[in-house]
Amino acid sequence: MSNNKVIIIAEAGVNHNGDYDRAVEMVYAAKAAGADYVKFQTAVPELVISSIAPKAEYQKETTGEGESQLEMCRKIHLALDDYAPLRDICRKVGIGFMSTPFDLVSIDCLANLGMDFWKIPSGEITNLPYLRTIGKMGGKVILSTGMSELQEIDAALRVLEEAGTPRSNVILLHCNTQYPTPYEDVNLRAMISLATLGVAAVGYSDHTVGIEVPVAAVALGAKVIEKHFTLDKSLPGPDHKASLDPSELSAMVSAIRNIEKALGSASKHVSASERPNIEIARKSIVAARDIKMGELLTEENITVKRPGNGISPMLWDKIIGTVACRDFSADALITIE
């Protein structure tokens, strides 16, 4: 990742609630907001979730306890045949297409769709057969690291490497897998630790409410930002309430682009915009009162005032004790022959 442009992924996830037309609408909304990619989630629920798997607490809060996790996911996933046409729509609209596979069949489904990145979710970071299958692809990988210790992340990277995907092809996303994430649990500085693992770049996948934290992550060096969005936060489903609506997504993208510009380089220099103000804001050595030609310049008859287009006050010690080369009226810039 040689350029400074942050990759912004608008995470549609399953916020289409299994409705293909809504998924298409989300593609257009992500493009309008300025995101670089719109990302979905691809799964065959029966291959991902057992019949006895419980819901997460946040899922119970948002969708109730009357159905199992498997039953819930059956309702909100698209058919595998929907992803190729979604990819085509993304190409038509001019936004990158991505989808996270959650099982091996879904990996096969996505393998021929020409995605720029494989996105591995936090929950698969200990799934060796899954990691090995994606590693064999040899493509670029974005790996979320929620619920993980550093040694688990390193172990996952080793599996990818041994399968054929070098660390230089992997971007690690710091992440907290709670929806929404409490601010005190975000720990953005963990990106510093992730950067020690020899990967291409680090980024941040955000589950907090609002846009402040992903913007702060960019200021700390994140090169990829992933954020859930929805067309309507009041829709039923597990992720809507912790997502941005389209106007909020647009505001986040705008804020990140502004921060990109503001980060600049490590060089400290005078910018083009501020250079005209040097003369206005800095000071010069001037006459404190009327001075006659031949008079000795002393701390009593010279002083320092704006503007800054005369002799710099940094030369004060050299001017003190010299002789006035002409008459100077009060406030006149001191000049020397």
Protein backbone atom coordinates (compact mmCIF):
# COMPACT_ATOMS: atom_id res chain seq x y z
CA MET A 1 0.00 0.00 0.00
CA SER A 2 2.23 2.75 -1.29
CA ASN A 3 -0.28 5.58 -1.59
CA ASN A 4 -1.87 7.52 1.25
CA LYS A 5 -5.48 6.99 0.22
CA VAL A 6 -7.44 5.15 2.87
CA ILE A 7 -9.59 2.30 1.54
CA ILE A 8 -13.13 2.80 2.84
CA ILE A 9 -15.32 -0.29 2.90
CA ALA A 10 -19.04 0.26 3.34
CA GLU A 11 -20.13 -2.93 5.07
CA ALA A 12 -23.59 -3.82 3.82
CA GLY A 13 -23.20 -7.23 5.45
CA VAL A 14 -26.63 -8.76 5.88
CA ASN A 15 -28.42 -5.44 6.35
CA HIS A 16 -30.36 -6.17 3.16
CA ASN A 17 -32.23 -8.79 5.28
CA GLY A 18 -32.07 -11.27 2.42
CA ASP A 19 -33.75 -8.88 -0.03
CA TYR A 20 -31.79 -8.72 -3.30
CA ASP A 21 -33.42 -5.46 -4.41
CA ARG A 22 -32.44 -3.84 -1.11
CA ALA A 23 -28.89 -5.12 -1.61
CA VAL A 24 -28.80 -3.40 -5.00
CA GLU A 25 -30.09 -0.20 -3.41
CA MET A 26 -27.26 -0.44 -0.87
CA VAL A 27 -24.71 -0.59 -3.70
CA TYR A 28 -25.97 2.72 -5.03
CA ALA A 29 -26.07 4.24 -1.53
CA ALA A 30 -22.47 3.21 -0.82
CA LYS A 31 -21.33 4.70 -4.12
CA ALA A 32 -23.21 7.95 -3.44
CA ALA A 33 -21.54 8.19 -0.02
CA GLY A 34 -18.09 7.97 -1.60
CA ALA A 35 -17.01 4.54 -0.35
CA ASP A 36 -14.39 2.61 -2.29
CA TYR A 37 -16.00 -0.78 -1.77
CA VAL A 38 -19.37 -2.16 -0.75
CA LYS A 39 -19.05 -5.46 1.08
CA PHE A 40 -21.59 -8.21 1.67
CA GLN A 41 -21.50 -11.47 3.63
CA THR A 42 -21.80 -14.78 1.81
CA ALA A 43 -22.85 -17.91 3.67
CA VAL A 44 -24.74 -21.15 3.51
CA PRO A 45 -26.20 -20.90 7.00
CA GLU A 46 -26.41 -24.66 7.55
CA LEU A 47 -22.66 -24.95 6.85
CA VAL A 48 -21.79 -22.16 9.27
CA ILE A 49 -24.12 -22.54 12.25
CA SER A 50 -25.21 -25.68 14.09
CA SER A 51 -28.79 -26.13 15.20
CA ILE A 52 -27.72 -25.73 18.84
CA ALA A 53 -25.66 -22.54 18.40
CA PRO A 54 -27.07 -19.74 20.60
CA LYS A 55 -27.48 -16.13 19.54
CA ALA A 56 -25.09 -13.47 20.80
CA GLU A 57 -26.56 -11.18 23.43
CA TYR A 58 -26.70 -8.25 20.99
CA GLN A 59 -28.56 -10.49 18.53
CA LYS A 60 -31.09 -11.40 21.22
CA GLU A 61 -31.57 -7.72 21.98
CA THR A 62 -32.14 -6.79 18.34
CA THR A 63 -34.04 -9.86 17.05
CA GLY A 64 -35.50 -11.50 20.15
CA GLU A 65 -35.00 -14.95 21.63
CA GLY A 66 -37.81 -16.79 19.87
CA GLU A 67 -35.60 -18.24 17.13
CA SER A 68 -32.17 -19.85 16.96
CA GLN A 69 -29.10 -18.22 15.43
CA LEU A 70 -29.47 -20.59 12.47
CA GLU A 71 -33.10 -19.64 11.93
CA MET A 72 -32.21 -15.96 12.11
CA CYS A 73 -29.40 -16.30 9.56
CA ARG A 74 -31.53 -18.27 7.12
CA LYS A 75 -33.77 -15.20 6.86
CA ILE A 76 -31.10 -12.60 6.25
CA HIS A 77 -28.69 -14.17 3.76
CA LEU A 78 -28.90 -13.89 -0.01
CA ALA A 79 -28.82 -16.91 -2.29
CA LEU A 80 -25.39 -17.78 -3.67
CA ASP A 81 -26.63 -17.02 -7.19
CA ASP A 82 -27.20 -13.38 -6.18
CA TYR A 83 -23.55 -12.44 -5.79
CA ALA A 84 -22.44 -12.52 -9.43
CA PRO A 85 -25.17 -10.08 -10.50
CA LEU A 86 -24.38 -7.91 -7.47
CA ARG A 87 -20.75 -7.86 -8.62
CA ASP A 88 -21.90 -6.82 -12.08
CA ILE A 89 -23.97 -3.97 -10.66
CA CYS A 90 -20.98 -2.77 -8.64
CA ARG A 91 -18.91 -2.66 -11.82
CA LYS A 92 -21.64 -0.75 -13.60
CA VAL A 93 -21.97 1.74 -10.75
CA GLY A 94 -18.22 2.15 -10.33
CA ILE A 95 -17.64 0.82 -6.82
CA GLY A 96 -15.53 -2.13 -5.74
CA PHE A 97 -17.31 -5.37 -4.88
CA MET A 98 -16.37 -7.49 -1.89
CA SER A 99 -18.06 -10.21 0.12
CA THR A 100 -16.93 -12.13 3.18
CA PRO A 101 -17.29 -15.90 2.83
CA PHE A 102 -18.20 -17.83 5.97
CA ASP A 103 -17.79 -21.38 4.68
CA LEU A 104 -15.91 -23.32 2.02
CA VAL A 105 -18.84 -23.45 -0.41
CA SER A 106 -19.11 -19.67 -0.20
CA ILE A 107 -15.40 -19.36 -0.92
CA ASP A 108 -15.95 -21.38 -4.11
CA CYS A 109 -18.89 -19.14 -5.00
CA LEU A 110 -16.80 -15.97 -4.71
CA ALA A 111 -13.58 -17.34 -6.19
CA ASN A 112 -14.52 -16.50 -9.77
CA LEU A 113 -15.95 -13.05 -9.13
CA GLY A 114 -12.65 -11.17 -9.44
CA MET A 115 -12.58 -9.56 -6.00
CA ASP A 116 -9.58 -7.35 -5.22
CA PHE A 117 -9.40 -8.72 -1.68
CA TRP A 118 -10.49 -11.76 0.25
CA LYS A 119 -12.09 -10.54 3.47
CA ILE A 120 -11.70 -12.91 6.42
CA PRO A 121 -13.99 -12.16 9.37
CA SER A 122 -12.88 -12.24 12.99
CA GLY A 123 -14.79 -15.43 13.73
CA GLU A 124 -12.76 -17.47 11.22
CA ILE A 125 -9.32 -16.54 12.57
CA THR A 126 -9.00 -19.96 14.23
CA ASN A 127 -10.59 -21.92 11.35
CA LEU A 128 -7.57 -23.68 9.88
CA PRO A 129 -9.29 -25.41 6.90
CA TYR A 130 -10.95 -22.10 5.97
CA LEU A 131 -7.70 -20.12 6.29
CA ARG A 132 -5.81 -22.72 4.29
CA THR A 133 -8.39 -22.60 1.48
CA ILE A 134 -8.15 -18.82 1.16
CA GLY A 135 -4.37 -18.94 1.55
CA LYS A 136 -4.14 -21.22 -1.48
CA MET A 137 -5.73 -18.48 -3.58
CA GLY A 138 -2.57 -16.40 -3.22
CA GLY A 139 -4.51 -13.16 -3.47
CA LYS A 140 -4.68 -10.09 -1.28
CA VAL A 141 -6.35 -10.61 2.08
CA ILE A 142 -7.99 -8.33 4.63
CA LEU A 143 -8.17 -10.09 7.98
CA SER A 144 -10.27 -8.78 10.87
CA THR A 145 -8.86 -9.54 14.31
CA GLY A 146 -11.74 -9.13 16.76
CA MET A 147 -11.78 -11.46 19.80
CA SER A 148 -8.12 -12.35 19.13
CA GLU A 149 -4.82 -12.29 20.97
CA LEU A 150 -1.66 -11.35 19.07
CA GLN A 151 -0.37 -14.93 19.05
CA GLU A 152 -3.64 -16.17 17.50
CA ILE A 153 -3.32 -13.58 14.74
CA ASP A 154 0.27 -14.61 14.11
CA ALA A 155 -0.81 -18.26 13.93
CA ALA A 156 -3.46 -17.40 11.34
CA LEU A 157 -0.88 -15.51 9.31
CA ARG A 158 1.39 -18.55 9.39
CA VAL A 159 -1.41 -20.73 8.01
CA LEU A 160 -2.00 -18.27 5.18
CA GLU A 161 1.74 -18.12 4.46
CA GLU A 162 2.19 -21.89 4.38
CA ALA A 163 -0.78 -22.17 2.03
CA GLY A 164 0.67 -19.63 -0.42
CA THR A 165 -0.32 -16.12 0.71
CA PRO A 166 2.63 -14.10 2.09
CA ARG A 167 2.19 -11.61 4.92
CA SER A 168 3.00 -8.87 2.45
CA ASN A 169 -0.40 -9.63 0.86
CA VAL A 170 -2.31 -9.25 4.14
CA ILE A 171 -3.91 -6.19 5.74
CA LEU A 172 -4.87 -6.65 9.39
CA LEU A 173 -7.90 -4.82 10.74
CA HIS A 174 -8.07 -4.11 14.44
CA CYS A 175 -11.61 -4.83 15.55
CA ASN A 176 -13.78 -5.30 18.61
CA THR A 177 -16.58 -7.78 18.02
CA GLN A 178 -19.29 -6.26 20.16
CA TYR A 179 -22.24 -4.46 18.61
CA PRO A 180 -22.06 -1.63 19.44
CA THR A 181 -18.55 -1.50 20.89
CA PRO A 182 -18.17 0.56 24.10
CA TYR A 183 -15.63 3.35 23.58
CA GLU A 184 -13.53 2.13 26.50
CA ASP A 185 -13.07 -1.23 24.72
CA VAL A 186 -12.00 0.16 21.33
CA ASN A 187 -8.23 0.27 22.10
CA LEU A 188 -7.16 1.87 18.82
CA ARG A 189 -3.51 1.74 19.84
CA ALA A 190 -3.65 -2.04 19.32
CA MET A 191 -2.98 -1.19 15.66
CA ILE A 192 0.60 -0.49 16.75
CA SER A 193 0.95 -4.11 17.87
CA LEU A 194 -0.60 -5.43 14.68
CA ALA A 195 1.94 -3.49 12.64
CA THR A 196 4.75 -5.52 14.24
CA LEU A 197 3.55 -8.70 12.50
CA GLY A 198 5.14 -7.83 9.16
CA VAL A 199 1.95 -7.32 7.16
CA ALA A 200 1.25 -4.94 4.28
CA ALA A 201 -0.76 -2.46 6.38
CA VAL A 202 -3.13 -2.17 9.31
CA GLY A 203 -6.62 -0.75 9.48
CA TYR A 204 -9.73 -0.73 11.60
CA SER A 205 -13.15 -2.36 11.40
CA ASP A 206 -15.52 -0.29 13.50
CA HIS A 207 -18.59 -1.29 15.50
CA THR A 208 -18.96 1.81 17.66
CA VAL A 209 -21.86 4.22 17.38
CA GLY A 210 -21.05 7.27 15.24
CA ILE A 211 -18.07 8.19 13.10
CA GLU A 212 -15.51 9.61 15.55
CA VAL A 213 -13.56 6.41 16.16
CA PRO A 214 -12.89 5.40 12.54
CA VAL A 215 -11.80 8.97 11.81
CA ALA A 216 -9.44 8.81 14.79
CA ALA A 217 -8.14 5.46 13.51
CA VAL A 218 -7.13 7.12 10.25
CA ALA A 219 -5.26 9.79 12.21
CA LEU A 220 -3.40 6.95 13.98
CA GLY A 221 -2.38 5.35 10.69
CA ALA A 222 -5.22 3.06 9.60
CA LYS A 223 -5.04 2.39 5.86
CA VAL A 224 -8.39 0.59 5.64
CA ILE A 225 -11.65 1.49 7.37
CA GLU A 226 -14.64 -0.84 7.42
CA LYS A 227 -17.99 0.35 8.77
CA HIS A 228 -21.46 -1.17 8.75
CA PHE A 229 -24.20 0.83 7.09
CA THR A 230 -27.91 0.38 6.54
CA LEU A 231 -30.63 2.05 4.56
CA ASP A 232 -32.80 2.26 7.66
CA LYS A 233 -31.73 1.73 11.28
CA SER A 234 -35.27 0.77 12.27
CA LEU A 235 -35.31 -2.34 10.05
CA PRO A 236 -35.44 -5.72 11.82
CA GLY A 237 -32.15 -7.60 11.98
CA PRO A 238 -29.06 -7.96 14.16
CA ASP A 239 -26.80 -5.21 12.79
CA HIS A 240 -28.99 -2.25 11.81
CA LYS A 241 -28.85 -0.37 15.11
CA ALA A 242 -25.05 -0.43 15.20
CA SER A 243 -24.79 0.78 11.59
CA LEU A 244 -24.60 4.16 9.91
CA ASP A 245 -27.40 5.43 7.72
CA PRO A 246 -26.43 6.74 4.26
CA SER A 247 -26.04 10.36 5.38
CA GLU A 248 -23.80 9.30 8.28
CA LEU A 249 -21.75 7.10 5.97
CA SER A 250 -21.27 10.07 3.67
CA ALA A 251 -20.18 12.22 6.62
CA MET A 252 -17.66 9.58 7.69
CA VAL A 253 -16.18 9.33 4.20
CA SER A 254 -15.89 13.12 4.00
CA ALA A 255 -14.23 13.34 7.41
CA ILE A 256 -11.72 10.62 6.53
CA ARG A 257 -10.82 12.31 3.25
CA ASN A 258 -10.25 15.57 5.15
CA ILE A 259 -8.02 13.79 7.67
CA GLU A 260 -6.04 12.22 4.80
CA LYS A 261 -5.27 15.70 3.50
CA ALA A 262 -4.48 16.99 6.97
CA LEU A 263 -2.00 14.22 7.82
CA GLY A 264 0.53 15.41 5.24
CA SER A 265 4.11 14.23 5.63
CA ALA A 266 6.67 14.07 8.42
CA SER A 267 8.37 17.16 7.00
CA LYS A 268 7.91 20.43 8.90
CA HIS A 269 7.85 23.26 6.39
CA VAL A 270 6.04 26.47 5.52
CA SER A 271 2.92 25.68 3.54
CA ALA A 272 1.86 27.64 0.49
CA SER A 273 -1.32 28.82 2.20
CA GLU A 274 0.45 30.25 5.25
CA ARG A 275 3.47 31.79 3.51
CA PRO A 276 1.74 35.13 2.79
CA ASN A 277 1.08 35.52 6.53
CA ILE A 278 4.76 35.47 7.50
CA GLU A 279 5.09 39.18 6.81
CA ILE A 280 1.84 39.92 8.65
CA ALA A 281 2.43 37.84 11.80
CA ARG A 282 6.19 38.11 12.32
CA LYS A 283 8.04 41.18 13.54
CA SER A 284 10.96 43.34 12.50
CA ILE A 285 13.34 45.69 14.27
CA VAL A 286 11.83 49.20 14.20
CA ALA A 287 12.52 52.60 15.72
CA ALA A 288 11.00 52.98 19.19
CA ARG A 289 11.13 56.78 18.73
CA ASP A 290 12.57 59.27 16.27
CA ILE A 291 16.25 58.52 15.66
CA LYS A 292 18.80 60.89 14.12
CA MET A 293 21.45 59.81 11.64
CA GLY A 294 24.66 58.91 13.49
CA GLU A 295 22.85 58.07 16.73
CA LEU A 296 23.85 54.83 18.43
CA LEU A 297 21.16 52.14 18.24
CA THR A 298 20.32 50.92 21.73
CA GLU A 299 17.62 49.01 23.58
CA GLU A 300 16.07 52.41 24.39
CA ASN A 301 15.58 53.65 20.84
CA ILE A 302 14.76 50.45 18.92
CA THR A 303 12.10 47.79 19.49
CA VAL A 304 10.32 44.89 17.78
CA LYS A 305 6.97 45.25 16.00
CA ARG A 306 5.01 43.96 13.05
CA PRO A 307 5.24 43.68 10.04
CA GLY A 308 7.92 41.11 9.40
CA ASN A 309 9.39 42.44 6.18
CA GLY A 310 12.37 44.16 7.77
CA ILE A 311 15.39 43.04 9.77
CA SER A 312 14.58 39.90 11.80
CA PRO A 313 14.66 40.28 15.59
CA MET A 314 16.94 37.25 15.55
CA LEU A 315 19.64 39.77 14.48
CA TRP A 316 18.94 42.02 17.51
CA ASP A 317 22.36 41.51 19.09
CA LYS A 318 24.09 42.51 15.86
CA ILE A 319 22.05 45.70 15.46
CA ILE A 320 22.53 46.88 19.04
CA GLY A 321 25.57 49.18 19.17
CA THR A 322 25.58 50.08 15.47
CA VAL A 323 25.13 53.64 14.21
CA ALA A 324 21.96 54.89 12.48
CA CYS A 325 22.75 55.30 8.79
CA ARG A 326 19.99 57.91 8.37
CA ASP A 327 17.13 59.50 10.22
CA PHE A 328 14.34 57.13 11.31
CA SER A 329 10.89 58.20 12.42
CA ALA A 330 9.09 56.26 15.17
CA ASP A 331 7.91 52.80 13.96
CA ALA A 332 10.03 52.96 10.82
CA LEU A 333 11.79 49.74 9.82
CA ILE A 334 15.45 49.90 10.77
CA THR A 335 17.72 49.38 7.77
CA ILE A 336 21.47 49.01 7.57
CA GLU A 337 23.98 49.90 4.89
